[in-house]
Amino acid sequence: AHQQIRLGDIQASAQKWTRAIECYLRAIEYFKTIQKSLYDTSLISNIQAQIIQCEKAIDFYHLKDRSEQ
């Protein structure tokens, strides 16, 4: 999941918004899969925070993509 975030960051730095969004969406999928197997509420909260950060990045890159069209 973190590798997908890094790939998303790389794509975003190259202003490839759609590809960055795809990477963040994959990261969210991985985080949700991991989250289902956890029982520690602290770890679940940490993963939820990562998911929220990915969602915020996706929203931001959607706006960037629209503003450049």
PDB file of N, CA and C in Angstrom:
ATOM      1  N   ALA A   1       0.824  -1.185   0.000  1.00  0.00           N
ATOM      2  CA  ALA A   1       0.000   0.000   0.000  1.00  0.00           C
ATOM      3  C   ALA A   1       0.872   1.255   0.000  1.00  0.00           C
ATOM      4  N   HIS A   2       1.911   1.249   0.827  1.00  0.00           N
ATOM      5  CA  HIS A   2       2.783   2.421   0.873  1.00  0.00           C
ATOM      6  C   HIS A   2       3.554   2.596  -0.435  1.00  0.00           C
ATOM      7  N   GLN A   3       3.863   1.491  -1.081  1.00  0.00           N
ATOM      8  CA  GLN A   3       4.526   1.584  -2.385  1.00  0.00           C
ATOM      9  C   GLN A   3       3.606   2.275  -3.391  1.00  0.00           C
ATOM     10  N   GLN A   4       2.325   1.987  -3.345  1.00  0.00           N
ATOM     11  CA  GLN A   4       1.373   2.637  -4.244  1.00  0.00           C
ATOM     12  C   GLN A   4       1.289   4.135  -3.956  1.00  0.00           C
ATOM     13  N   ILE A   5       1.375   4.502  -2.687  1.00  0.00           N
ATOM     14  CA  ILE A   5       1.375   5.923  -2.334  1.00  0.00           C
ATOM     15  C   ILE A   5       2.612   6.594  -2.923  1.00  0.00           C
ATOM     16  N   ARG A   6       3.774   5.952  -2.783  1.00  0.00           N
ATOM     17  CA  ARG A   6       4.996   6.525  -3.353  1.00  0.00           C
ATOM     18  C   ARG A   6       4.888   6.647  -4.867  1.00  0.00           C
ATOM     19  N   LEU A   7       4.340   5.628  -5.517  1.00  0.00           N
ATOM     20  CA  LEU A   7       4.147   5.701  -6.969  1.00  0.00           C
ATOM     21  C   LEU A   7       3.194   6.837  -7.332  1.00  0.00           C
ATOM     22  N   GLY A   8       2.160   7.011  -6.536  1.00  0.00           N
ATOM     23  CA  GLY A   8       1.228   8.114  -6.756  1.00  0.00           C
ATOM     24  C   GLY A   8       1.914   9.461  -6.617  1.00  0.00           C
ATOM     25  N   ASP A   9       2.785   9.574  -5.621  1.00  0.00           N
ATOM     26  CA  ASP A   9       3.535  10.814  -5.424  1.00  0.00           C
ATOM     27  C   ASP A   9       4.439  11.102  -6.624  1.00  0.00           C
ATOM     28  N   ILE A  10       5.068  10.059  -7.147  1.00  0.00           N
ATOM     29  CA  ILE A  10       5.940  10.218  -8.317  1.00  0.00           C
ATOM     30  C   ILE A  10       5.127  10.677  -9.523  1.00  0.00           C
ATOM     31  N   GLN A  11       3.980  10.042  -9.740  1.00  0.00           N
ATOM     32  CA  GLN A  11       3.128  10.427 -10.867  1.00  0.00           C
ATOM     33  C   GLN A  11       2.639  11.866 -10.705  1.00  0.00           C
ATOM     34  N   ALA A  12       2.296  12.241  -9.492  1.00  0.00           N
ATOM     35  CA  ALA A  12       1.814  13.602  -9.243  1.00  0.00           C
ATOM     36  C   ALA A  12       2.919  14.625  -9.494  1.00  0.00           C
ATOM     37  N   SER A  13       4.142  14.281  -9.111  1.00  0.00           N
ATOM     38  CA  SER A  13       5.239  15.225  -9.334  1.00  0.00           C
ATOM     39  C   SER A  13       5.487  15.434 -10.823  1.00  0.00           C
ATOM     40  N   ALA A  14       5.098  14.462 -11.633  1.00  0.00           N
ATOM     41  CA  ALA A  14       5.204  14.589 -13.091  1.00  0.00           C
ATOM     42  C   ALA A  14       3.911  15.149 -13.687  1.00  0.00           C
ATOM     43  N   GLN A  15       2.990  15.558 -12.824  1.00  0.00           N
ATOM     44  CA  GLN A  15       1.690  16.117 -13.206  1.00  0.00           C
ATOM     45  C   GLN A  15       0.857  15.130 -14.033  1.00  0.00           C
ATOM     46  N   LYS A  16       0.986  13.869 -13.706  1.00  0.00           N
ATOM     47  CA  LYS A  16       0.165  12.819 -14.320  1.00  0.00           C
ATOM     48  C   LYS A  16      -0.929  12.474 -13.312  1.00  0.00           C
ATOM     49  N   TRP A  17      -1.922  13.361 -13.248  1.00  0.00           N
ATOM     50  CA  TRP A  17      -2.942  13.296 -12.202  1.00  0.00           C
ATOM     51  C   TRP A  17      -3.739  12.000 -12.238  1.00  0.00           C
ATOM     52  N   THR A  18      -4.166  11.566 -13.424  1.00  0.00           N
ATOM     53  CA  THR A  18      -4.986  10.353 -13.523  1.00  0.00           C
ATOM     54  C   THR A  18      -4.218   9.138 -13.029  1.00  0.00           C
ATOM     55  N   ARG A  19      -2.960   9.037 -13.400  1.00  0.00           N
ATOM     56  CA  ARG A  19      -2.143   7.902 -12.939  1.00  0.00           C
ATOM     57  C   ARG A  19      -1.917   7.963 -11.435  1.00  0.00           C
ATOM     58  N   ALA A  20      -1.723   9.159 -10.914  1.00  0.00           N
ATOM     59  CA  ALA A  20      -1.548   9.313  -9.465  1.00  0.00           C
ATOM     60  C   ALA A  20      -2.800   8.847  -8.735  1.00  0.00           C
ATOM     61  N   ILE A  21      -3.955   9.252  -9.238  1.00  0.00           N
ATOM     62  CA  ILE A  21      -5.227   8.854  -8.627  1.00  0.00           C
ATOM     63  C   ILE A  21      -5.370   7.338  -8.631  1.00  0.00           C
ATOM     64  N   GLU A  22      -5.005   6.698  -9.739  1.00  0.00           N
ATOM     65  CA  GLU A  22      -5.087   5.233  -9.825  1.00  0.00           C
ATOM     66  C   GLU A  22      -4.223   4.578  -8.751  1.00  0.00           C
ATOM     67  N   CYS A  23      -3.033   5.106  -8.539  1.00  0.00           N
ATOM     68  CA  CYS A  23      -2.143   4.546  -7.511  1.00  0.00           C
ATOM     69  C   CYS A  23      -2.745   4.693  -6.118  1.00  0.00           C
ATOM     70  N   TYR A  24      -3.299   5.864  -5.838  1.00  0.00           N
ATOM     71  CA  TYR A  24      -3.911   6.083  -4.523  1.00  0.00           C
ATOM     72  C   TYR A  24      -5.137   5.187  -4.324  1.00  0.00           C
ATOM     73  N   LEU A  25      -5.904   4.968  -5.376  1.00  0.00           N
ATOM     74  CA  LEU A  25      -7.062   4.066  -5.268  1.00  0.00           C
ATOM     75  C   LEU A  25      -6.613   2.643  -4.954  1.00  0.00           C
ATOM     76  N   ARG A  26      -5.514   2.203  -5.590  1.00  0.00           N
ATOM     77  CA  ARG A  26      -4.985   0.866  -5.282  1.00  0.00           C
ATOM     78  C   ARG A  26      -4.504   0.805  -3.836  1.00  0.00           C
ATOM     79  N   ALA A  27      -3.857   1.868  -3.378  1.00  0.00           N
ATOM     80  CA  ALA A  27      -3.390   1.899  -1.984  1.00  0.00           C
ATOM     81  C   ALA A  27      -4.568   1.759  -1.027  1.00  0.00           C
ATOM     82  N   ILE A  28      -5.660   2.458  -1.318  1.00  0.00           N
ATOM     83  CA  ILE A  28      -6.856   2.359  -0.471  1.00  0.00           C
ATOM     84  C   ILE A  28      -7.378   0.931  -0.456  1.00  0.00           C
ATOM     85  N   GLU A  29      -7.416   0.279  -1.615  1.00  0.00           N
ATOM     86  CA  GLU A  29      -7.867  -1.120  -1.668  1.00  0.00           C
ATOM     87  C   GLU A  29      -6.994  -1.996  -0.779  1.00  0.00           C
ATOM     88  N   TYR A  30      -5.671  -1.831  -0.880  1.00  0.00           N
ATOM     89  CA  TYR A  30      -4.751  -2.630  -0.070  1.00  0.00           C
ATOM     90  C   TYR A  30      -4.957  -2.352   1.417  1.00  0.00           C
ATOM     91  N   PHE A  31      -5.067  -1.070   1.776  1.00  0.00           N
ATOM     92  CA  PHE A  31      -5.279  -0.724   3.182  1.00  0.00           C
ATOM     93  C   PHE A  31      -6.570  -1.340   3.717  1.00  0.00           C
ATOM     94  N   LYS A  32      -7.640  -1.304   2.942  1.00  0.00           N
ATOM     95  CA  LYS A  32      -8.915  -1.867   3.397  1.00  0.00           C
ATOM     96  C   LYS A  32      -8.819  -3.372   3.576  1.00  0.00           C
ATOM     97  N   THR A  33      -8.078  -4.037   2.700  1.00  0.00           N
ATOM     98  CA  THR A  33      -7.877  -5.479   2.834  1.00  0.00           C
ATOM     99  C   THR A  33      -7.104  -5.790   4.112  1.00  0.00           C
ATOM    100  N   ILE A  34      -6.056  -5.034   4.354  1.00  0.00           N
ATOM    101  CA  ILE A  34      -5.256  -5.226   5.568  1.00  0.00           C
ATOM    102  C   ILE A  34      -6.102  -4.956   6.806  1.00  0.00           C
ATOM    103  N   GLN A  35      -6.880  -3.889   6.751  1.00  0.00           N
ATOM    104  CA  GLN A  35      -7.699  -3.468   7.891  1.00  0.00           C
ATOM    105  C   GLN A  35      -8.673  -4.566   8.320  1.00  0.00           C
ATOM    106  N   LYS A  36      -9.197  -5.305   7.363  1.00  0.00           N
ATOM    107  CA  LYS A  36     -10.166  -6.368   7.673  1.00  0.00           C
ATOM    108  C   LYS A  36      -9.560  -7.482   8.513  1.00  0.00           C
ATOM    109  N   SER A  37      -8.241  -7.662   8.411  1.00  0.00           N
ATOM    110  CA  SER A  37      -7.606  -8.765   9.129  1.00  0.00           C
ATOM    111  C   SER A  37      -7.066  -8.350  10.497  1.00  0.00           C
ATOM    112  N   LEU A  38      -7.255  -7.097  10.865  1.00  0.00           N
ATOM    113  CA  LEU A  38      -6.707  -6.603  12.133  1.00  0.00           C
ATOM    114  C   LEU A  38      -7.746  -6.611  13.243  1.00  0.00           C
ATOM    115  N   TYR A  39      -7.239  -6.751  14.456  1.00  0.00           N
ATOM    116  CA  TYR A  39      -8.100  -6.710  15.636  1.00  0.00           C
ATOM    117  C   TYR A  39      -7.679  -5.594  16.585  1.00  0.00           C
ATOM    118  N   ASP A  40      -6.500  -5.049  16.368  1.00  0.00           N
ATOM    119  CA  ASP A  40      -5.960  -3.977  17.210  1.00  0.00           C
ATOM    120  C   ASP A  40      -6.558  -2.645  16.761  1.00  0.00           C
ATOM    121  N   THR A  41      -7.327  -2.018  17.638  1.00  0.00           N
ATOM    122  CA  THR A  41      -8.011  -0.773  17.265  1.00  0.00           C
ATOM    123  C   THR A  41      -7.030   0.350  16.941  1.00  0.00           C
ATOM    124  N   SER A  42      -5.874   0.327  17.562  1.00  0.00           N
ATOM    125  CA  SER A  42      -4.860   1.344  17.276  1.00  0.00           C
ATOM    126  C   SER A  42      -4.357   1.211  15.838  1.00  0.00           C
ATOM    127  N   LEU A  43      -4.073  -0.012  15.427  1.00  0.00           N
ATOM    128  CA  LEU A  43      -3.622  -0.242  14.050  1.00  0.00           C
ATOM    129  C   LEU A  43      -4.724   0.086  13.049  1.00  0.00           C
ATOM    130  N   ILE A  44      -5.940  -0.275  13.384  1.00  0.00           N
ATOM    131  CA  ILE A  44      -7.077   0.030  12.509  1.00  0.00           C
ATOM    132  C   ILE A  44      -7.209   1.542  12.346  1.00  0.00           C
ATOM    133  N   SER A  45      -7.042   2.273  13.427  1.00  0.00           N
ATOM    134  CA  SER A  45      -7.119   3.738  13.367  1.00  0.00           C
ATOM    135  C   SER A  45      -6.005   4.320  12.509  1.00  0.00           C
ATOM    136  N   ASN A  46      -4.806   3.766  12.638  1.00  0.00           N
ATOM    137  CA  ASN A  46      -3.684   4.235  11.820  1.00  0.00           C
ATOM    138  C   ASN A  46      -3.942   3.993  10.339  1.00  0.00           C
ATOM    139  N   ILE A  47      -4.468   2.838  10.019  1.00  0.00           N
ATOM    140  CA  ILE A  47      -4.764   2.534   8.618  1.00  0.00           C
ATOM    141  C   ILE A  47      -5.892   3.426   8.115  1.00  0.00           C
ATOM    142  N   GLN A  48      -6.883   3.669   8.956  1.00  0.00           N
ATOM    143  CA  GLN A  48      -7.977   4.560   8.555  1.00  0.00           C
ATOM    144  C   GLN A  48      -7.443   5.960   8.245  1.00  0.00           C
ATOM    145  N   ALA A  49      -6.477   6.410   9.026  1.00  0.00           N
ATOM    146  CA  ALA A  49      -5.861   7.719   8.769  1.00  0.00           C
ATOM    147  C   ALA A  49      -5.142   7.728   7.420  1.00  0.00           C
ATOM    148  N   GLN A  50      -4.487   6.625   7.089  1.00  0.00           N
ATOM    149  CA  GLN A  50      -3.817   6.519   5.787  1.00  0.00           C
ATOM    150  C   GLN A  50      -4.833   6.562   4.648  1.00  0.00           C
ATOM    151  N   ILE A  51      -5.952   5.885   4.841  1.00  0.00           N
ATOM    152  CA  ILE A  51      -7.013   5.885   3.827  1.00  0.00           C
ATOM    153  C   ILE A  51      -7.534   7.308   3.618  1.00  0.00           C
ATOM    154  N   ILE A  52      -7.751   8.026   4.706  1.00  0.00           N
ATOM    155  CA  ILE A  52      -8.243   9.405   4.609  1.00  0.00           C
ATOM    156  C   ILE A  52      -7.237  10.281   3.865  1.00  0.00           C
ATOM    157  N   GLN A  53      -5.950  10.103   4.149  1.00  0.00           N
ATOM    158  CA  GLN A  53      -4.927  10.879   3.438  1.00  0.00           C
ATOM    159  C   GLN A  53      -4.959  10.579   1.942  1.00  0.00           C
ATOM    160  N   CYS A  54      -5.132   9.319   1.586  1.00  0.00           N
ATOM    161  CA  CYS A  54      -5.228   8.948   0.169  1.00  0.00           C
ATOM    162  C   CYS A  54      -6.456   9.589  -0.472  1.00  0.00           C
ATOM    163  N   GLU A  55      -7.567   9.568   0.240  1.00  0.00           N
ATOM    164  CA  GLU A  55      -8.796  10.168  -0.289  1.00  0.00           C
ATOM    165  C   GLU A  55      -8.632  11.671  -0.498  1.00  0.00           C
ATOM    166  N   LYS A  56      -7.941  12.325   0.421  1.00  0.00           N
ATOM    167  CA  LYS A  56      -7.689  13.762   0.275  1.00  0.00           C
ATOM    168  C   LYS A  56      -6.799  14.032  -0.933  1.00  0.00           C
ATOM    169  N   ALA A  57      -5.783  13.197  -1.120  1.00  0.00           N
ATOM    170  CA  ALA A  57      -4.899  13.357  -2.280  1.00  0.00           C
ATOM    171  C   ALA A  57      -5.686  13.160  -3.572  1.00  0.00           C
ATOM    172  N   ILE A  58      -6.557  12.165  -3.599  1.00  0.00           N
ATOM    173  CA  ILE A  58      -7.384  11.912  -4.782  1.00  0.00           C
ATOM    174  C   ILE A  58      -8.255  13.127  -5.080  1.00  0.00           C
ATOM    175  N   ASP A  59      -8.905  13.667  -4.066  1.00  0.00           N
ATOM    176  CA  ASP A  59      -9.743  14.860  -4.265  1.00  0.00           C
ATOM    177  C   ASP A  59      -8.916  16.018  -4.824  1.00  0.00           C
ATOM    178  N   PHE A  60      -7.739  16.218  -4.263  1.00  0.00           N
ATOM    179  CA  PHE A  60      -6.867  17.302  -4.708  1.00  0.00           C
ATOM    180  C   PHE A  60      -6.455  17.115  -6.166  1.00  0.00           C
ATOM    181  N   TYR A  61      -6.063  15.890  -6.536  1.00  0.00           N
ATOM    182  CA  TYR A  61      -5.610  15.651  -7.907  1.00  0.00           C
ATOM    183  C   TYR A  61      -6.760  15.691  -8.903  1.00  0.00           C
ATOM    184  N   HIS A  62      -7.955  15.363  -8.466  1.00  0.00           N
ATOM    185  CA  HIS A  62      -9.129  15.557  -9.333  1.00  0.00           C
ATOM    186  C   HIS A  62      -9.285  17.043  -9.652  1.00  0.00           C
ATOM    187  N   LEU A  63      -9.139  17.886  -8.641  1.00  0.00           N
ATOM    188  CA  LEU A  63      -9.242  19.333  -8.849  1.00  0.00           C
ATOM    189  C   LEU A  63      -8.134  19.842  -9.765  1.00  0.00           C
ATOM    190  N   LYS A  64      -6.915  19.362  -9.556  1.00  0.00           N
ATOM    191  CA  LYS A  64      -5.794  19.771 -10.408  1.00  0.00           C
ATOM    192  C   LYS A  64      -6.054  19.374 -11.855  1.00  0.00           C
ATOM    193  N   ASP A  65      -6.546  18.155 -12.043  1.00  0.00           N
ATOM    194  CA  ASP A  65      -6.807  17.649 -13.391  1.00  0.00           C
ATOM    195  C   ASP A  65      -7.871  18.502 -14.080  1.00  0.00           C
ATOM    196  N   ARG A  66      -8.940  18.814 -13.363  1.00  0.00           N
ATOM    197  CA  ARG A  66     -10.023  19.626 -13.934  1.00  0.00           C
ATOM    198  C   ARG A  66      -9.555  21.037 -14.265  1.00  0.00           C
ATOM    199  N   SER A  67      -8.725  21.600 -13.407  1.00  0.00           N
ATOM    200  CA  SER A  67      -8.284  22.983 -13.630  1.00  0.00           C
ATOM    201  C   SER A  67      -7.355  23.102 -14.834  1.00  0.00           C
ATOM    202  N   GLU A  68      -6.710  22.007 -15.199  1.00  0.00           N
ATOM    203  CA  GLU A  68      -5.798  22.039 -16.339  1.00  0.00           C
ATOM    204  C   GLU A  68      -6.475  21.684 -17.652  1.00  0.00           C
ATOM    205  N   GLN A  69      -7.719  21.277 -17.585  1.00  0.00           N
ATOM    206  CA  GLN A  69      -8.419  20.905 -18.826  1.00  0.00           C
ATOM    207  C   GLN A  69      -9.079  22.094 -19.461  1.00  0.00           C
TER     208      GLN A  69
END
